[in-house]
mmCIF file of all heavy atoms, coordinates in Angstrom:
data_MODEL
# 
_entry.id   MODEL 
# 
loop_
_atom_site.group_PDB 
_atom_site.id 
_atom_site.type_symbol 
_atom_site.label_atom_id 
_atom_site.label_alt_id 
_atom_site.label_comp_id 
_atom_site.label_asym_id 
_atom_site.label_entity_id 
_atom_site.label_seq_id 
_atom_site.pdbx_PDB_ins_code 
_atom_site.Cartn_x 
_atom_site.Cartn_y 
_atom_site.Cartn_z 
_atom_site.occupancy 
_atom_site.B_iso_or_equiv 
_atom_site.pdbx_formal_charge 
_atom_site.auth_seq_id 
_atom_site.auth_comp_id 
_atom_site.auth_asym_id 
_atom_site.auth_atom_id 
_atom_site.pdbx_PDB_model_num 
ATOM 1   N N   . TYR A 1 1  ? -38.599 -47.732 -45.376 1.00 0.00 ? 1  TYR A N   1 
ATOM 2   C CA  . TYR A 1 1  ? -38.825 -46.301 -45.550 1.00 0.00 ? 1  TYR A CA  1 
ATOM 3   C C   . TYR A 1 1  ? -40.271 -46.056 -45.945 1.00 0.00 ? 1  TYR A C   1 
ATOM 4   O O   . TYR A 1 1  ? -40.842 -46.794 -46.746 1.00 0.00 ? 1  TYR A O   1 
ATOM 5   C CB  . TYR A 1 1  ? -37.894 -45.742 -46.626 1.00 0.00 ? 1  TYR A CB  1 
ATOM 6   C CG  . TYR A 1 1  ? -36.445 -45.831 -46.224 1.00 0.00 ? 1  TYR A CG  1 
ATOM 7   C CD1 . TYR A 1 1  ? -35.670 -46.924 -46.602 1.00 0.00 ? 1  TYR A CD1 1 
ATOM 8   C CD2 . TYR A 1 1  ? -35.862 -44.850 -45.435 1.00 0.00 ? 1  TYR A CD2 1 
ATOM 9   C CE1 . TYR A 1 1  ? -34.345 -47.022 -46.219 1.00 0.00 ? 1  TYR A CE1 1 
ATOM 10  C CE2 . TYR A 1 1  ? -34.535 -44.940 -45.043 1.00 0.00 ? 1  TYR A CE2 1 
ATOM 11  C CZ  . TYR A 1 1  ? -33.790 -46.033 -45.441 1.00 0.00 ? 1  TYR A CZ  1 
ATOM 12  O OH  . TYR A 1 1  ? -32.480 -46.133 -45.040 1.00 0.00 ? 1  TYR A OH  1 
ATOM 13  N N   . LYS A 1 2  ? -40.844 -45.006 -45.348 1.00 0.00 ? 2  LYS A N   1 
ATOM 14  C CA  . LYS A 1 2  ? -42.240 -44.648 -45.607 1.00 0.00 ? 2  LYS A CA  1 
ATOM 15  C C   . LYS A 1 2  ? -42.301 -43.136 -45.814 1.00 0.00 ? 2  LYS A C   1 
ATOM 16  O O   . LYS A 1 2  ? -41.639 -42.376 -45.102 1.00 0.00 ? 2  LYS A O   1 
ATOM 17  C CB  . LYS A 1 2  ? -43.090 -45.049 -44.400 1.00 0.00 ? 2  LYS A CB  1 
ATOM 18  C CG  . LYS A 1 2  ? -44.546 -44.679 -44.476 1.00 0.00 ? 2  LYS A CG  1 
ATOM 19  C CD  . LYS A 1 2  ? -45.253 -45.123 -43.195 1.00 0.00 ? 2  LYS A CD  1 
ATOM 20  C CE  . LYS A 1 2  ? -46.695 -44.710 -43.172 1.00 0.00 ? 2  LYS A CE  1 
ATOM 21  N NZ  . LYS A 1 2  ? -47.345 -45.155 -41.922 1.00 0.00 ? 2  LYS A NZ  1 
ATOM 22  N N   . MET A 1 3  ? -43.070 -42.714 -46.792 1.00 0.00 ? 3  MET A N   1 
ATOM 23  C CA  . MET A 1 3  ? -43.268 -41.284 -47.025 1.00 0.00 ? 3  MET A CA  1 
ATOM 24  C C   . MET A 1 3  ? -44.382 -40.785 -46.098 1.00 0.00 ? 3  MET A C   1 
ATOM 25  O O   . MET A 1 3  ? -45.490 -41.314 -46.112 1.00 0.00 ? 3  MET A O   1 
ATOM 26  C CB  . MET A 1 3  ? -43.642 -41.019 -48.477 1.00 0.00 ? 3  MET A CB  1 
ATOM 27  C CG  . MET A 1 3  ? -42.550 -41.371 -49.471 1.00 0.00 ? 3  MET A CG  1 
ATOM 28  S SD  . MET A 1 3  ? -41.033 -40.429 -49.249 1.00 0.00 ? 3  MET A SD  1 
ATOM 29  C CE  . MET A 1 3  ? -41.547 -38.823 -49.810 1.00 0.00 ? 3  MET A CE  1 
ATOM 30  N N   . ILE A 1 4  ? -44.050 -39.796 -45.282 1.00 0.00 ? 4  ILE A N   1 
ATOM 31  C CA  . ILE A 1 4  ? -45.013 -39.184 -44.379 1.00 0.00 ? 4  ILE A CA  1 
ATOM 32  C C   . ILE A 1 4  ? -44.988 -37.683 -44.632 1.00 0.00 ? 4  ILE A C   1 
ATOM 33  O O   . ILE A 1 4  ? -43.967 -37.029 -44.402 1.00 0.00 ? 4  ILE A O   1 
ATOM 34  C CB  . ILE A 1 4  ? -44.684 -39.487 -42.901 1.00 0.00 ? 4  ILE A CB  1 
ATOM 35  C CG1 . ILE A 1 4  ? -44.689 -41.006 -42.655 1.00 0.00 ? 4  ILE A CG1 1 
ATOM 36  C CG2 . ILE A 1 4  ? -45.659 -38.775 -41.979 1.00 0.00 ? 4  ILE A CG2 1 
ATOM 37  C CD1 . ILE A 1 4  ? -44.276 -41.416 -41.247 1.00 0.00 ? 4  ILE A CD1 1 
ATOM 38  N N   . ASP A 1 5  ? -46.111 -37.165 -45.129 1.00 0.00 ? 5  ASP A N   1 
ATOM 39  C CA  . ASP A 1 5  ? -46.207 -35.743 -45.455 1.00 0.00 ? 5  ASP A CA  1 
ATOM 40  C C   . ASP A 1 5  ? -45.052 -35.283 -46.349 1.00 0.00 ? 5  ASP A C   1 
ATOM 41  O O   . ASP A 1 5  ? -44.465 -34.217 -46.145 1.00 0.00 ? 5  ASP A O   1 
ATOM 42  C CB  . ASP A 1 5  ? -46.265 -34.890 -44.187 1.00 0.00 ? 5  ASP A CB  1 
ATOM 43  C CG  . ASP A 1 5  ? -47.503 -35.171 -43.349 1.00 0.00 ? 5  ASP A CG  1 
ATOM 44  O OD1 . ASP A 1 5  ? -48.564 -35.456 -43.945 1.00 0.00 ? 5  ASP A OD1 1 
ATOM 45  O OD2 . ASP A 1 5  ? -47.412 -35.112 -42.110 1.00 0.00 ? 5  ASP A OD2 1 
ATOM 46  N N   . GLY A 1 6  ? -44.703 -36.112 -47.333 1.00 0.00 ? 6  GLY A N   1 
ATOM 47  C CA  . GLY A 1 6  ? -43.663 -35.764 -48.288 1.00 0.00 ? 6  GLY A CA  1 
ATOM 48  C C   . GLY A 1 6  ? -42.239 -35.946 -47.795 1.00 0.00 ? 6  GLY A C   1 
ATOM 49  O O   . GLY A 1 6  ? -41.293 -35.608 -48.490 1.00 0.00 ? 6  GLY A O   1 
ATOM 50  N N   . VAL A 1 7  ? -42.076 -36.515 -46.595 1.00 0.00 ? 7  VAL A N   1 
ATOM 51  C CA  . VAL A 1 7  ? -40.750 -36.731 -46.019 1.00 0.00 ? 7  VAL A CA  1 
ATOM 52  C C   . VAL A 1 7  ? -40.499 -38.234 -45.905 1.00 0.00 ? 7  VAL A C   1 
ATOM 53  O O   . VAL A 1 7  ? -41.360 -38.981 -45.423 1.00 0.00 ? 7  VAL A O   1 
ATOM 54  C CB  . VAL A 1 7  ? -40.645 -36.075 -44.618 1.00 0.00 ? 7  VAL A CB  1 
ATOM 55  C CG1 . VAL A 1 7  ? -39.298 -36.359 -43.991 1.00 0.00 ? 7  VAL A CG1 1 
ATOM 56  C CG2 . VAL A 1 7  ? -40.895 -34.584 -44.713 1.00 0.00 ? 7  VAL A CG2 1 
ATOM 57  N N   . ARG A 1 8  ? -39.332 -38.671 -46.355 1.00 0.00 ? 8  ARG A N   1 
ATOM 58  C CA  . ARG A 1 8  ? -38.966 -40.089 -46.238 1.00 0.00 ? 8  ARG A CA  1 
ATOM 59  C C   . ARG A 1 8  ? -38.514 -40.363 -44.800 1.00 0.00 ? 8  ARG A C   1 
ATOM 60  O O   . ARG A 1 8  ? -37.537 -39.790 -44.322 1.00 0.00 ? 8  ARG A O   1 
ATOM 61  C CB  . ARG A 1 8  ? -37.845 -40.421 -47.210 1.00 0.00 ? 8  ARG A CB  1 
ATOM 62  C CG  . ARG A 1 8  ? -37.546 -41.898 -47.278 1.00 0.00 ? 8  ARG A CG  1 
ATOM 63  C CD  . ARG A 1 8  ? -36.534 -42.168 -48.350 1.00 0.00 ? 8  ARG A CD  1 
ATOM 64  N NE  . ARG A 1 8  ? -35.264 -42.502 -47.727 1.00 0.00 ? 8  ARG A NE  1 
ATOM 65  C CZ  . ARG A 1 8  ? -34.287 -43.147 -48.320 1.00 0.00 ? 8  ARG A CZ  1 
ATOM 66  N NH1 . ARG A 1 8  ? -34.404 -43.492 -49.580 1.00 0.00 ? 8  ARG A NH1 1 
ATOM 67  N NH2 . ARG A 1 8  ? -33.190 -43.427 -47.694 1.00 0.00 ? 8  ARG A NH2 1 
ATOM 68  N N   . VAL A 1 9  ? -39.243 -41.249 -44.124 1.00 0.00 ? 9  VAL A N   1 
ATOM 69  C CA  . VAL A 1 9  ? -38.975 -41.577 -42.725 1.00 0.00 ? 9  VAL A CA  1 
ATOM 70  C C   . VAL A 1 9  ? -38.547 -43.036 -42.645 1.00 0.00 ? 9  VAL A C   1 
ATOM 71  O O   . VAL A 1 9  ? -39.152 -43.905 -43.278 1.00 0.00 ? 9  VAL A O   1 
ATOM 72  C CB  . VAL A 1 9  ? -40.227 -41.331 -41.854 1.00 0.00 ? 9  VAL A CB  1 
ATOM 73  C CG1 . VAL A 1 9  ? -39.962 -41.688 -40.401 1.00 0.00 ? 9  VAL A CG1 1 
ATOM 74  C CG2 . VAL A 1 9  ? -40.700 -39.896 -41.993 1.00 0.00 ? 9  VAL A CG2 1 
ATOM 75  N N   . SER A 1 10 ? -37.514 -43.310 -41.858 1.00 0.00 ? 10 SER A N   1 
ATOM 76  C CA  . SER A 1 10 ? -37.026 -44.689 -41.728 1.00 0.00 ? 10 SER A CA  1 
ATOM 77  C C   . SER A 1 10 ? -37.558 -45.341 -40.456 1.00 0.00 ? 10 SER A C   1 
ATOM 78  O O   . SER A 1 10 ? -37.730 -44.688 -39.428 1.00 0.00 ? 10 SER A O   1 
ATOM 79  C CB  . SER A 1 10 ? -35.499 -44.723 -41.709 1.00 0.00 ? 10 SER A CB  1 
ATOM 80  O OG  . SER A 1 10 ? -35.011 -44.030 -40.577 1.00 0.00 ? 10 SER A OG  1 
ATOM 81  N N   . PHE A 1 11 ? -37.817 -46.627 -40.562 1.00 0.00 ? 11 PHE A N   1 
ATOM 82  C CA  . PHE A 1 11 ? -38.247 -47.462 -39.442 1.00 0.00 ? 11 PHE A CA  1 
ATOM 83  C C   . PHE A 1 11 ? -37.336 -48.689 -39.446 1.00 0.00 ? 11 PHE A C   1 
ATOM 84  O O   . PHE A 1 11 ? -37.359 -49.476 -40.392 1.00 0.00 ? 11 PHE A O   1 
ATOM 85  C CB  . PHE A 1 11 ? -39.709 -47.883 -39.600 1.00 0.00 ? 11 PHE A CB  1 
ATOM 86  C CG  . PHE A 1 11 ? -40.666 -46.728 -39.558 1.00 0.00 ? 11 PHE A CG  1 
ATOM 87  C CD1 . PHE A 1 11 ? -40.956 -46.001 -40.709 1.00 0.00 ? 11 PHE A CD1 1 
ATOM 88  C CD2 . PHE A 1 11 ? -41.264 -46.357 -38.368 1.00 0.00 ? 11 PHE A CD2 1 
ATOM 89  C CE1 . PHE A 1 11 ? -41.830 -44.936 -40.672 1.00 0.00 ? 11 PHE A CE1 1 
ATOM 90  C CE2 . PHE A 1 11 ? -42.140 -45.276 -38.323 1.00 0.00 ? 11 PHE A CE2 1 
ATOM 91  C CZ  . PHE A 1 11 ? -42.422 -44.564 -39.483 1.00 0.00 ? 11 PHE A CZ  1 
ATOM 92  N N   . THR A 1 12 ? -36.534 -48.823 -38.420 1.00 0.00 ? 12 THR A N   1 
ATOM 93  C CA  . THR A 1 12 ? -35.555 -49.901 -38.347 1.00 0.00 ? 12 THR A CA  1 
ATOM 94  C C   . THR A 1 12 ? -35.909 -50.863 -37.219 1.00 0.00 ? 12 THR A C   1 
ATOM 95  O O   . THR A 1 12 ? -36.314 -50.431 -36.137 1.00 0.00 ? 12 THR A O   1 
ATOM 96  C CB  . THR A 1 12 ? -34.148 -49.331 -38.118 1.00 0.00 ? 12 THR A CB  1 
ATOM 97  O OG1 . THR A 1 12 ? -33.844 -48.446 -39.204 1.00 0.00 ? 12 THR A OG1 1 
ATOM 98  C CG2 . THR A 1 12 ? -33.096 -50.425 -38.063 1.00 0.00 ? 12 THR A CG2 1 
ATOM 99  N N   . ALA A 1 13 ? -35.744 -52.153 -37.486 1.00 0.00 ? 13 ALA A N   1 
ATOM 100 C CA  . ALA A 1 13 ? -35.992 -53.170 -36.467 1.00 0.00 ? 13 ALA A CA  1 
ATOM 101 C C   . ALA A 1 13 ? -34.953 -54.276 -36.597 1.00 0.00 ? 13 ALA A C   1 
ATOM 102 O O   . ALA A 1 13 ? -34.468 -54.563 -37.693 1.00 0.00 ? 13 ALA A O   1 
ATOM 103 C CB  . ALA A 1 13 ? -37.391 -53.755 -36.615 1.00 0.00 ? 13 ALA A CB  1 
ATOM 104 N N   . SER A 1 14 ? -34.613 -54.882 -35.474 1.00 0.00 ? 14 SER A N   1 
ATOM 105 C CA  . SER A 1 14 ? -33.658 -55.993 -35.445 1.00 0.00 ? 14 SER A CA  1 
ATOM 106 C C   . SER A 1 14 ? -34.303 -57.215 -34.822 1.00 0.00 ? 14 SER A C   1 
ATOM 107 O O   . SER A 1 14 ? -35.081 -57.106 -33.883 1.00 0.00 ? 14 SER A O   1 
ATOM 108 C CB  . SER A 1 14 ? -32.426 -55.606 -34.618 1.00 0.00 ? 14 SER A CB  1 
ATOM 109 O OG  . SER A 1 14 ? -31.738 -54.552 -35.236 1.00 0.00 ? 14 SER A OG  1 
ATOM 110 N N   . ALA A 1 15 ? -33.954 -58.373 -35.368 1.00 0.00 ? 15 ALA A N   1 
ATOM 111 C CA  . ALA A 1 15 ? -34.397 -59.649 -34.816 1.00 0.00 ? 15 ALA A CA  1 
ATOM 112 C C   . ALA A 1 15 ? -33.152 -60.426 -34.405 1.00 0.00 ? 15 ALA A C   1 
ATOM 113 O O   . ALA A 1 15 ? -32.189 -60.522 -35.169 1.00 0.00 ? 15 ALA A O   1 
ATOM 114 C CB  . ALA A 1 15 ? -35.197 -60.437 -35.852 1.00 0.00 ? 15 ALA A CB  1 
ATOM 115 N N   . ARG A 1 16 ? -33.162 -60.943 -33.211 1.00 0.00 ? 16 ARG A N   1 
ATOM 116 C CA  . ARG A 1 16 ? -32.016 -61.694 -32.689 1.00 0.00 ? 16 ARG A CA  1 
ATOM 117 C C   . ARG A 1 16 ? -32.310 -63.188 -32.719 1.00 0.00 ? 16 ARG A C   1 
ATOM 118 O O   . ARG A 1 16 ? -33.408 -63.630 -32.411 1.00 0.00 ? 16 ARG A O   1 
ATOM 119 C CB  . ARG A 1 16 ? -31.687 -61.253 -31.274 1.00 0.00 ? 16 ARG A CB  1 
ATOM 120 C CG  . ARG A 1 16 ? -31.261 -59.811 -31.206 1.00 0.00 ? 16 ARG A CG  1 
ATOM 121 C CD  . ARG A 1 16 ? -30.875 -59.417 -29.789 1.00 0.00 ? 16 ARG A CD  1 
ATOM 122 N NE  . ARG A 1 16 ? -30.528 -58.015 -29.733 1.00 0.00 ? 16 ARG A NE  1 
ATOM 123 C CZ  . ARG A 1 16 ? -29.359 -57.517 -30.084 1.00 0.00 ? 16 ARG A CZ  1 
ATOM 124 N NH1 . ARG A 1 16 ? -28.412 -58.305 -30.533 1.00 0.00 ? 16 ARG A NH1 1 
ATOM 125 N NH2 . ARG A 1 16 ? -29.126 -56.223 -29.999 1.00 0.00 ? 16 ARG A NH2 1 
ATOM 126 N N   . TRP A 1 17 ? -31.308 -63.938 -33.103 1.00 0.00 ? 17 TRP A N   1 
ATOM 127 C CA  . TRP A 1 17 ? -31.423 -65.386 -33.235 1.00 0.00 ? 17 TRP A CA  1 
ATOM 128 C C   . TRP A 1 17 ? -32.037 -66.032 -31.996 1.00 0.00 ? 17 TRP A C   1 
ATOM 129 O O   . TRP A 1 17 ? -32.976 -66.814 -32.083 1.00 0.00 ? 17 TRP A O   1 
ATOM 130 C CB  . TRP A 1 17 ? -30.039 -65.977 -33.516 1.00 0.00 ? 17 TRP A CB  1 
ATOM 131 C CG  . TRP A 1 17 ? -30.017 -67.467 -33.625 1.00 0.00 ? 17 TRP A CG  1 
ATOM 132 C CD1 . TRP A 1 17 ? -29.696 -68.358 -32.646 1.00 0.00 ? 17 TRP A CD1 1 
ATOM 133 C CD2 . TRP A 1 17 ? -30.350 -68.240 -34.771 1.00 0.00 ? 17 TRP A CD2 1 
ATOM 134 N NE1 . TRP A 1 17 ? -29.798 -69.640 -33.111 1.00 0.00 ? 17 TRP A NE1 1 
ATOM 135 C CE2 . TRP A 1 17 ? -30.206 -69.598 -34.432 1.00 0.00 ? 17 TRP A CE2 1 
ATOM 136 C CE3 . TRP A 1 17 ? -30.762 -67.921 -36.069 1.00 0.00 ? 17 TRP A CE3 1 
ATOM 137 C CZ2 . TRP A 1 17 ? -30.452 -70.622 -35.320 1.00 0.00 ? 17 TRP A CZ2 1 
ATOM 138 C CZ3 . TRP A 1 17 ? -31.001 -68.952 -36.952 1.00 0.00 ? 17 TRP A CZ3 1 
ATOM 139 C CH2 . TRP A 1 17 ? -30.845 -70.281 -36.570 1.00 0.00 ? 17 TRP A CH2 1 
ATOM 140 N N   . GLU A 1 18 ? -31.503 -65.689 -30.834 1.00 0.00 ? 18 GLU A N   1 
ATOM 141 C CA  . GLU A 1 18 ? -31.951 -66.348 -29.601 1.00 0.00 ? 18 GLU A CA  1 
ATOM 142 C C   . GLU A 1 18 ? -33.404 -66.037 -29.257 1.00 0.00 ? 18 GLU A C   1 
ATOM 143 O O   . GLU A 1 18 ? -34.021 -66.765 -28.479 1.00 0.00 ? 18 GLU A O   1 
ATOM 144 C CB  . GLU A 1 18 ? -31.032 -66.003 -28.423 1.00 0.00 ? 18 GLU A CB  1 
ATOM 145 C CG  . GLU A 1 18 ? -30.895 -64.534 -28.114 1.00 0.00 ? 18 GLU A CG  1 
ATOM 146 C CD  . GLU A 1 18 ? -29.807 -63.834 -28.917 1.00 0.00 ? 18 GLU A CD  1 
ATOM 147 O OE1 . GLU A 1 18 ? -29.143 -64.449 -29.770 1.00 0.00 ? 18 GLU A OE1 1 
ATOM 148 O OE2 . GLU A 1 18 ? -29.627 -62.633 -28.681 1.00 0.00 ? 18 GLU A OE2 1 
ATOM 149 N N   . GLU A 1 19 ? -33.988 -65.013 -29.846 1.00 0.00 ? 19 GLU A N   1 
ATOM 150 C CA  . GLU A 1 19 ? -35.381 -64.673 -29.577 1.00 0.00 ? 19 GLU A CA  1 
ATOM 151 C C   . GLU A 1 19 ? -36.358 -65.340 -30.546 1.00 0.00 ? 19 GLU A C   1 
ATOM 152 O O   . GLU A 1 19 ? -37.550 -65.421 -30.256 1.00 0.00 ? 19 GLU A O   1 
ATOM 153 C CB  . GLU A 1 19 ? -35.570 -63.156 -29.634 1.00 0.00 ? 19 GLU A CB  1 
ATOM 154 C CG  . GLU A 1 19 ? -34.832 -62.434 -28.522 1.00 0.00 ? 19 GLU A CG  1 
ATOM 155 C CD  . GLU A 1 19 ? -34.896 -60.926 -28.667 1.00 0.00 ? 19 GLU A CD  1 
ATOM 156 O OE1 . GLU A 1 19 ? -35.363 -60.429 -29.726 1.00 0.00 ? 19 GLU A OE1 1 
ATOM 157 O OE2 . GLU A 1 19 ? -34.461 -60.247 -27.733 1.00 0.00 ? 19 GLU A OE2 1 
ATOM 158 N N   . TYR A 1 20 ? -35.876 -65.813 -31.694 1.00 0.00 ? 20 TYR A N   1 
ATOM 159 C CA  . TYR A 1 20 ? -36.770 -66.356 -32.715 1.00 0.00 ? 20 TYR A CA  1 
ATOM 160 C C   . TYR A 1 20 ? -36.528 -67.818 -33.080 1.00 0.00 ? 20 TYR A C   1 
ATOM 161 O O   . TYR A 1 20 ? -37.446 -68.485 -33.538 1.00 0.00 ? 20 TYR A O   1 
ATOM 162 C CB  . TYR A 1 20 ? -36.719 -65.486 -33.984 1.00 0.00 ? 20 TYR A CB  1 
ATOM 163 C CG  . TYR A 1 20 ? -37.419 -64.181 -33.782 1.00 0.00 ? 20 TYR A CG  1 
ATOM 164 C CD1 . TYR A 1 20 ? -36.726 -63.059 -33.360 1.00 0.00 ? 20 TYR A CD1 1 
ATOM 165 C CD2 . TYR A 1 20 ? -38.791 -64.069 -33.970 1.00 0.00 ? 20 TYR A CD2 1 
ATOM 166 C CE1 . TYR A 1 20 ? -37.374 -61.855 -33.134 1.00 0.00 ? 20 TYR A CE1 1 
ATOM 167 C CE2 . TYR A 1 20 ? -39.447 -62.879 -33.758 1.00 0.00 ? 20 TYR A CE2 1 
ATOM 168 C CZ  . TYR A 1 20 ? -38.735 -61.778 -33.339 1.00 0.00 ? 20 TYR A CZ  1 
ATOM 169 O OH  . TYR A 1 20 ? -39.385 -60.591 -33.118 1.00 0.00 ? 20 TYR A OH  1 
ATOM 170 N N   . TYR A 1 21 ? -35.314 -68.311 -32.934 1.00 0.00 ? 21 TYR A N   1 
ATOM 171 C CA  . TYR A 1 21 ? -35.028 -69.698 -33.317 1.00 0.00 ? 21 TYR A CA  1 
ATOM 172 C C   . TYR A 1 21 ? -35.893 -70.645 -32.492 1.00 0.00 ? 21 TYR A C   1 
ATOM 173 O O   . TYR A 1 21 ? -35.833 -70.631 -31.265 1.00 0.00 ? 21 TYR A O   1 
ATOM 174 C CB  . TYR A 1 21 ? -33.547 -70.013 -33.113 1.00 0.00 ? 21 TYR A CB  1 
ATOM 175 C CG  . TYR A 1 21 ? -33.181 -71.445 -33.411 1.00 0.00 ? 21 TYR A CG  1 
ATOM 176 C CD1 . TYR A 1 21 ? -33.446 -72.000 -34.649 1.00 0.00 ? 21 TYR A CD1 1 
ATOM 177 C CD2 . TYR A 1 21 ? -32.585 -72.245 -32.442 1.00 0.00 ? 21 TYR A CD2 1 
ATOM 178 C CE1 . TYR A 1 21 ? -33.112 -73.317 -34.931 1.00 0.00 ? 21 TYR A CE1 1 
ATOM 179 C CE2 . TYR A 1 21 ? -32.246 -73.555 -32.718 1.00 0.00 ? 21 TYR A CE2 1 
ATOM 180 C CZ  . TYR A 1 21 ? -32.516 -74.083 -33.961 1.00 0.00 ? 21 TYR A CZ  1 
ATOM 181 O OH  . TYR A 1 21 ? -32.192 -75.392 -34.230 1.00 0.00 ? 21 TYR A OH  1 
ATOM 182 N N   . PRO A 1 22 ? -36.722 -71.469 -33.143 1.00 0.00 ? 22 PRO A N   1 
ATOM 183 C CA  . PRO A 1 22 ? -37.657 -72.323 -32.406 1.00 0.00 ? 22 PRO A CA  1 
ATOM 184 C C   . PRO A 1 22 ? -37.045 -73.586 -31.795 1.00 0.00 ? 22 PRO A C   1 
ATOM 185 O O   . PRO A 1 22 ? -37.749 -74.351 -31.145 1.00 0.00 ? 22 PRO A O   1 
ATOM 186 C CB  . PRO A 1 22 ? -38.704 -72.687 -33.461 1.00 0.00 ? 22 PRO A CB  1 
ATOM 187 C CG  . PRO A 1 22 ? -37.973 -72.619 -34.747 1.00 0.00 ? 22 PRO A CG  1 
ATOM 188 C CD  . PRO A 1 22 ? -36.935 -71.542 -34.580 1.00 0.00 ? 22 PRO A CD  1 
ATOM 189 N N   . GLY A 1 23 ? -35.784 -73.838 -32.005 1.00 0.00 ? 23 GLY A N   1 
ATOM 190 C CA  . GLY A 1 23 ? -35.146 -75.000 -31.389 1.00 0.00 ? 23 GLY A CA  1 
ATOM 191 C C   . GLY A 1 23 ? -34.874 -76.121 -32.377 1.00 0.00 ? 23 GLY A C   1 
ATOM 192 O O   . GLY A 1 23 ? -35.075 -75.993 -33.576 1.00 0.00 ? 23 GLY A O   1 
ATOM 193 N N   . GLU A 1 24 ? -34.413 -77.217 -31.838 1.00 0.00 ? 24 GLU A N   1 
ATOM 194 C CA  . GLU A 1 24 ? -33.959 -78.341 -32.657 1.00 0.00 ? 24 GLU A CA  1 
ATOM 195 C C   . GLU A 1 24 ? -35.081 -79.229 -33.194 1.00 0.00 ? 24 GLU A C   1 
ATOM 196 O O   . GLU A 1 24 ? -34.842 -80.112 -33.980 1.00 0.00 ? 24 GLU A O   1 
ATOM 197 C CB  . GLU A 1 24 ? -32.985 -79.207 -31.844 1.00 0.00 ? 24 GLU A CB  1 
ATOM 198 C CG  . GLU A 1 24 ? -31.692 -78.495 -31.492 1.00 0.00 ? 24 GLU A CG  1 
ATOM 199 C CD  . GLU A 1 24 ? -30.907 -78.097 -32.728 1.00 0.00 ? 24 GLU A CD  1 
ATOM 200 O OE1 . GLU A 1 24 ? -30.853 -78.867 -33.699 1.00 0.00 ? 24 GLU A OE1 1 
ATOM 201 O OE2 . GLU A 1 24 ? -30.347 -76.989 -32.728 1.00 0.00 ? 24 GLU A OE2 1 
ATOM 202 N N   . GLY A 1 25 ? -36.302 -79.001 -32.786 1.00 0.00 ? 25 GLY A N   1 
ATOM 203 C CA  . GLY A 1 25 ? -37.414 -79.837 -33.233 1.00 0.00 ? 25 GLY A CA  1 
ATOM 204 C C   . GLY A 1 25 ? -37.813 -79.574 -34.673 1.00 0.00 ? 25 GLY A C   1 
ATOM 205 O O   . GLY A 1 25 ? -37.112 -78.921 -35.448 1.00 0.00 ? 25 GLY A O   1 
ATOM 206 N N   . LYS A 1 26 ? -38.991 -80.085 -35.033 1.00 0.00 ? 26 LYS A N   1 
ATOM 207 C CA  . LYS A 1 26 ? -39.508 -79.974 -36.395 1.00 0.00 ? 26 LYS A CA  1 
ATOM 208 C C   . LYS A 1 26 ? -39.654 -78.517 -36.836 1.00 0.00 ? 26 LYS A C   1 
ATOM 209 O O   . LYS A 1 26 ? -39.375 -78.175 -37.974 1.00 0.00 ? 26 LYS A O   1 
ATOM 210 C CB  . LYS A 1 26 ? -40.860 -80.676 -36.465 1.00 0.00 ? 26 LYS A CB  1 
ATOM 211 C CG  . LYS A 1 26 ? -41.495 -80.672 -37.830 1.00 0.00 ? 26 LYS A CG  1 
ATOM 212 C CD  . LYS A 1 26 ? -42.818 -81.408 -37.816 1.00 0.00 ? 26 LYS A CD  1 
ATOM 213 C CE  . LYS A 1 26 ? -43.481 -81.323 -39.175 1.00 0.00 ? 26 LYS A CE  1 
ATOM 214 N NZ  . LYS A 1 26 ? -44.805 -81.935 -39.170 1.00 0.00 ? 26 LYS A NZ  1 
# 
């Protein structure tokens, strides 16, 4: 949440396992 001109505005983001998991290595 961020205050913009006195209004609380939400910013939502999702991260999916298959897009970030680097694999079985180190």
